[in-house]
Amino acid sequence: MAECLFCKIASGVIPGDLVYQDDEIVAFRDINPQAPVHILIIPREHIPAVDCLEDRQAELIGRLFCKARDIARQEGIEAGGYRLVVNNGAGAGQTVLHVHVHLLGGRSFHWPPG
């Protein structure tokens, strides 16, 4: 989608601090980090929100979570624990309409969140 910020980062139109990319997934550091490690993992395919997912995309979404695990290991935060967050809609805090997983780590988190 031409106007989507995350699509522009994934395509290289807007630079991002990329930590991973392949044909289906891109991961980059958040420009407003909420933890010492705050990485966004997105599909290259533009999917506006979780509510827009189709069954055919189940494997892709599973790969996002596996890639989050791999990046947590790469960043050295797996032993101390990390949080994965997916927001759906403005009321939940989704500010960019492109499905994404927040990988947060490097500090303690409290429950319940937000």
C-alpha atoms as a PDB file:
ATOM      1  CA  MET A   1       0.000   0.000   0.000  1.00  0.00           C
ATOM      2  CA  ALA A   2       1.563   3.255  -1.181  1.00  0.00           C
ATOM      3  CA  GLU A   3       0.693   5.368   1.881  1.00  0.00           C
ATOM      4  CA  CYS A   4       1.595   2.851   4.583  1.00  0.00           C
ATOM      5  CA  LEU A   5       4.618   3.834   6.690  1.00  0.00           C
ATOM      6  CA  PHE A   6       5.613   0.214   7.339  1.00  0.00           C
ATOM      7  CA  CYS A   7       5.277  -0.717   3.657  1.00  0.00           C
ATOM      8  CA  LYS A   8       7.598   2.193   2.845  1.00  0.00           C
ATOM      9  CA  ILE A   9      10.153   0.951   5.385  1.00  0.00           C
ATOM     10  CA  ALA A  10       9.874  -2.620   4.092  1.00  0.00           C
ATOM     11  CA  SER A  11      10.423  -1.466   0.504  1.00  0.00           C
ATOM     12  CA  GLY A  12      13.330   0.844   1.398  1.00  0.00           C
ATOM     13  CA  VAL A  13      11.525   4.061   0.440  1.00  0.00           C
ATOM     14  CA  ILE A  14      11.943   5.219   4.047  1.00  0.00           C
ATOM     15  CA  PRO A  15      15.107   4.097   5.831  1.00  0.00           C
ATOM     16  CA  GLY A  16      14.765   1.944   8.913  1.00  0.00           C
ATOM     17  CA  ASP A  17      17.211   0.369  11.327  1.00  0.00           C
ATOM     18  CA  LEU A  18      16.670  -3.141   9.944  1.00  0.00           C
ATOM     19  CA  VAL A  19      17.640  -6.151  12.025  1.00  0.00           C
ATOM     20  CA  TYR A  20      16.196  -8.787   9.674  1.00  0.00           C
ATOM     21  CA  GLN A  21      14.602  -9.145   6.264  1.00  0.00           C
ATOM     22  CA  ASP A  22      13.621 -11.873   3.847  1.00  0.00           C
ATOM     23  CA  ASP A  23      11.035 -12.237   1.076  1.00  0.00           C
ATOM     24  CA  GLU A  24       8.114 -12.212   3.543  1.00  0.00           C
ATOM     25  CA  ILE A  25       9.228 -10.516   6.765  1.00  0.00           C
ATOM     26  CA  VAL A  26      11.033  -7.336   7.801  1.00  0.00           C
ATOM     27  CA  ALA A  27      12.124  -6.431  11.323  1.00  0.00           C
ATOM     28  CA  PHE A  28      13.377  -3.026  12.416  1.00  0.00           C
ATOM     29  CA  ARG A  29      14.021  -1.061  15.585  1.00  0.00           C
ATOM     30  CA  ASP A  30      11.165   1.141  16.805  1.00  0.00           C
ATOM     31  CA  ILE A  31      11.953   4.871  16.550  1.00  0.00           C
ATOM     32  CA  ASN A  32      10.197   5.449  19.892  1.00  0.00           C
ATOM     33  CA  PRO A  33      11.404   2.481  21.965  1.00  0.00           C
ATOM     34  CA  GLN A  34       9.480   1.500  25.086  1.00  0.00           C
ATOM     35  CA  ALA A  35      12.232  -0.845  26.290  1.00  0.00           C
ATOM     36  CA  PRO A  36      15.992  -1.208  25.737  1.00  0.00           C
ATOM     37  CA  VAL A  37      15.119  -3.632  22.928  1.00  0.00           C
ATOM     38  CA  HIS A  38      12.026  -2.672  20.930  1.00  0.00           C
ATOM     39  CA  ILE A  39      11.813  -4.224  17.490  1.00  0.00           C
ATOM     40  CA  LEU A  40       8.835  -4.337  15.140  1.00  0.00           C
ATOM     41  CA  ILE A  41       8.351  -7.474  13.045  1.00  0.00           C
ATOM     42  CA  ILE A  42       6.062  -7.064  10.040  1.00  0.00           C
ATOM     43  CA  PRO A  43       4.940  -9.033   7.022  1.00  0.00           C
ATOM     44  CA  ARG A  44       5.899  -7.452   3.702  1.00  0.00           C
ATOM     45  CA  GLU A  45       2.329  -8.105   2.609  1.00  0.00           C
ATOM     46  CA  HIS A  46       0.123  -5.212   3.651  1.00  0.00           C
ATOM     47  CA  ILE A  47      -2.413  -6.504   6.171  1.00  0.00           C
ATOM     48  CA  PRO A  48      -4.051  -3.568   7.982  1.00  0.00           C
ATOM     49  CA  ALA A  49      -5.007  -5.319  11.236  1.00  0.00           C
ATOM     50  CA  VAL A  50      -5.511  -8.691  12.893  1.00  0.00           C
ATOM     51  CA  ASP A  51      -9.219  -8.388  12.056  1.00  0.00           C
ATOM     52  CA  CYS A  52      -8.250  -8.359   8.363  1.00  0.00           C
ATOM     53  CA  LEU A  53      -6.308 -11.639   8.476  1.00  0.00           C
ATOM     54  CA  GLU A  54      -7.369 -14.425   6.166  1.00  0.00           C
ATOM     55  CA  ASP A  55      -6.923 -18.115   6.942  1.00  0.00           C
ATOM     56  CA  ARG A  56      -4.403 -18.373   4.082  1.00  0.00           C
ATOM     57  CA  GLN A  57      -2.092 -16.044   6.060  1.00  0.00           C
ATOM     58  CA  ALA A  58      -1.880 -18.285   9.143  1.00  0.00           C
ATOM     59  CA  GLU A  59       1.551 -19.665   8.244  1.00  0.00           C
ATOM     60  CA  LEU A  60       2.922 -16.174   7.625  1.00  0.00           C
ATOM     61  CA  ILE A  61       1.683 -14.966  11.017  1.00  0.00           C
ATOM     62  CA  GLY A  62       3.249 -18.019  12.657  1.00  0.00           C
ATOM     63  CA  ARG A  63       6.534 -17.140  10.963  1.00  0.00           C
ATOM     64  CA  LEU A  64       6.345 -13.617  12.481  1.00  0.00           C
ATOM     65  CA  PHE A  65       6.297 -15.141  15.966  1.00  0.00           C
ATOM     66  CA  CYS A  66       9.108 -17.599  15.166  1.00  0.00           C
ATOM     67  CA  LYS A  67      11.169 -14.735  13.789  1.00  0.00           C
ATOM     68  CA  ALA A  68      10.476 -12.744  16.980  1.00  0.00           C
ATOM     69  CA  ARG A  69      11.889 -15.691  18.948  1.00  0.00           C
ATOM     70  CA  ASP A  70      14.976 -15.787  16.731  1.00  0.00           C
ATOM     71  CA  ILE A  71      15.546 -12.042  17.046  1.00  0.00           C
ATOM     72  CA  ALA A  72      15.150 -12.217  20.844  1.00  0.00           C
ATOM     73  CA  ARG A  73      17.949 -14.793  20.869  1.00  0.00           C
ATOM     74  CA  GLN A  74      20.040 -12.656  18.495  1.00  0.00           C
ATOM     75  CA  GLU A  75      19.563  -9.635  20.781  1.00  0.00           C
ATOM     76  CA  GLY A  76      20.483 -11.692  23.870  1.00  0.00           C
ATOM     77  CA  ILE A  77      17.212 -11.091  25.722  1.00  0.00           C
ATOM     78  CA  GLU A  78      15.746 -14.607  25.728  1.00  0.00           C
ATOM     79  CA  ALA A  79      17.147 -15.612  29.125  1.00  0.00           C
ATOM     80  CA  GLY A  80      15.695 -12.580  30.929  1.00  0.00           C
ATOM     81  CA  GLY A  81      12.343 -12.847  29.206  1.00  0.00           C
ATOM     82  CA  TYR A  82      10.681 -10.677  26.618  1.00  0.00           C
ATOM     83  CA  ARG A  83       7.213  -9.518  25.684  1.00  0.00           C
ATOM     84  CA  LEU A  84       5.446  -9.827  22.345  1.00  0.00           C
ATOM     85  CA  VAL A  85       2.591  -7.383  21.747  1.00  0.00           C
ATOM     86  CA  VAL A  86       0.094  -7.234  18.896  1.00  0.00           C
ATOM     87  CA  ASN A  87      -2.464  -4.422  18.959  1.00  0.00           C
ATOM     88  CA  ASN A  88      -5.670  -4.474  16.911  1.00  0.00           C
ATOM     89  CA  GLY A  89      -7.392  -1.153  16.338  1.00  0.00           C
ATOM     90  CA  ALA A  90      -6.990   2.345  17.716  1.00  0.00           C
ATOM     91  CA  GLY A  91      -8.618   1.488  21.051  1.00  0.00           C
ATOM     92  CA  ALA A  92      -5.898  -1.106  21.658  1.00  0.00           C
ATOM     93  CA  GLY A  93      -3.110   1.287  20.692  1.00  0.00           C
ATOM     94  CA  GLN A  94      -2.546   0.360  17.042  1.00  0.00           C
ATOM     95  CA  THR A  95      -1.197   3.527  15.417  1.00  0.00           C
ATOM     96  CA  VAL A  96       0.036   2.115  12.103  1.00  0.00           C
ATOM     97  CA  LEU A  97      -2.493   0.141  10.091  1.00  0.00           C
ATOM     98  CA  HIS A  98      -0.164  -2.725   9.178  1.00  0.00           C
ATOM     99  CA  VAL A  99      -0.069  -5.914  11.273  1.00  0.00           C
ATOM    100  CA  HIS A 100       3.058  -5.948  13.407  1.00  0.00           C
ATOM    101  CA  VAL A 101       4.523  -7.679  16.428  1.00  0.00           C
ATOM    102  CA  HIS A 102       6.344  -5.596  19.027  1.00  0.00           C
ATOM    103  CA  LEU A 103       9.323  -7.448  20.504  1.00  0.00           C
ATOM    104  CA  LEU A 104      10.176  -5.788  23.826  1.00  0.00           C
ATOM    105  CA  GLY A 105      12.971  -6.792  26.178  1.00  0.00           C
ATOM    106  CA  GLY A 106      15.934  -5.769  28.234  1.00  0.00           C
ATOM    107  CA  ARG A 107      13.887  -4.724  31.276  1.00  0.00           C
ATOM    108  CA  SER A 108      11.239  -6.117  33.611  1.00  0.00           C
ATOM    109  CA  PHE A 109       7.582  -5.825  32.659  1.00  0.00           C
ATOM    110  CA  HIS A 110       4.557  -5.674  34.913  1.00  0.00           C
ATOM    111  CA  TRP A 111       1.132  -7.271  34.679  1.00  0.00           C
ATOM    112  CA  PRO A 112      -1.404  -6.202  33.741  1.00  0.00           C
ATOM    113  CA  PRO A 113       0.058  -4.138  30.903  1.00  0.00           C
ATOM    114  CA  GLY A 114      -1.099  -0.620  30.029  1.00  0.00           C
END
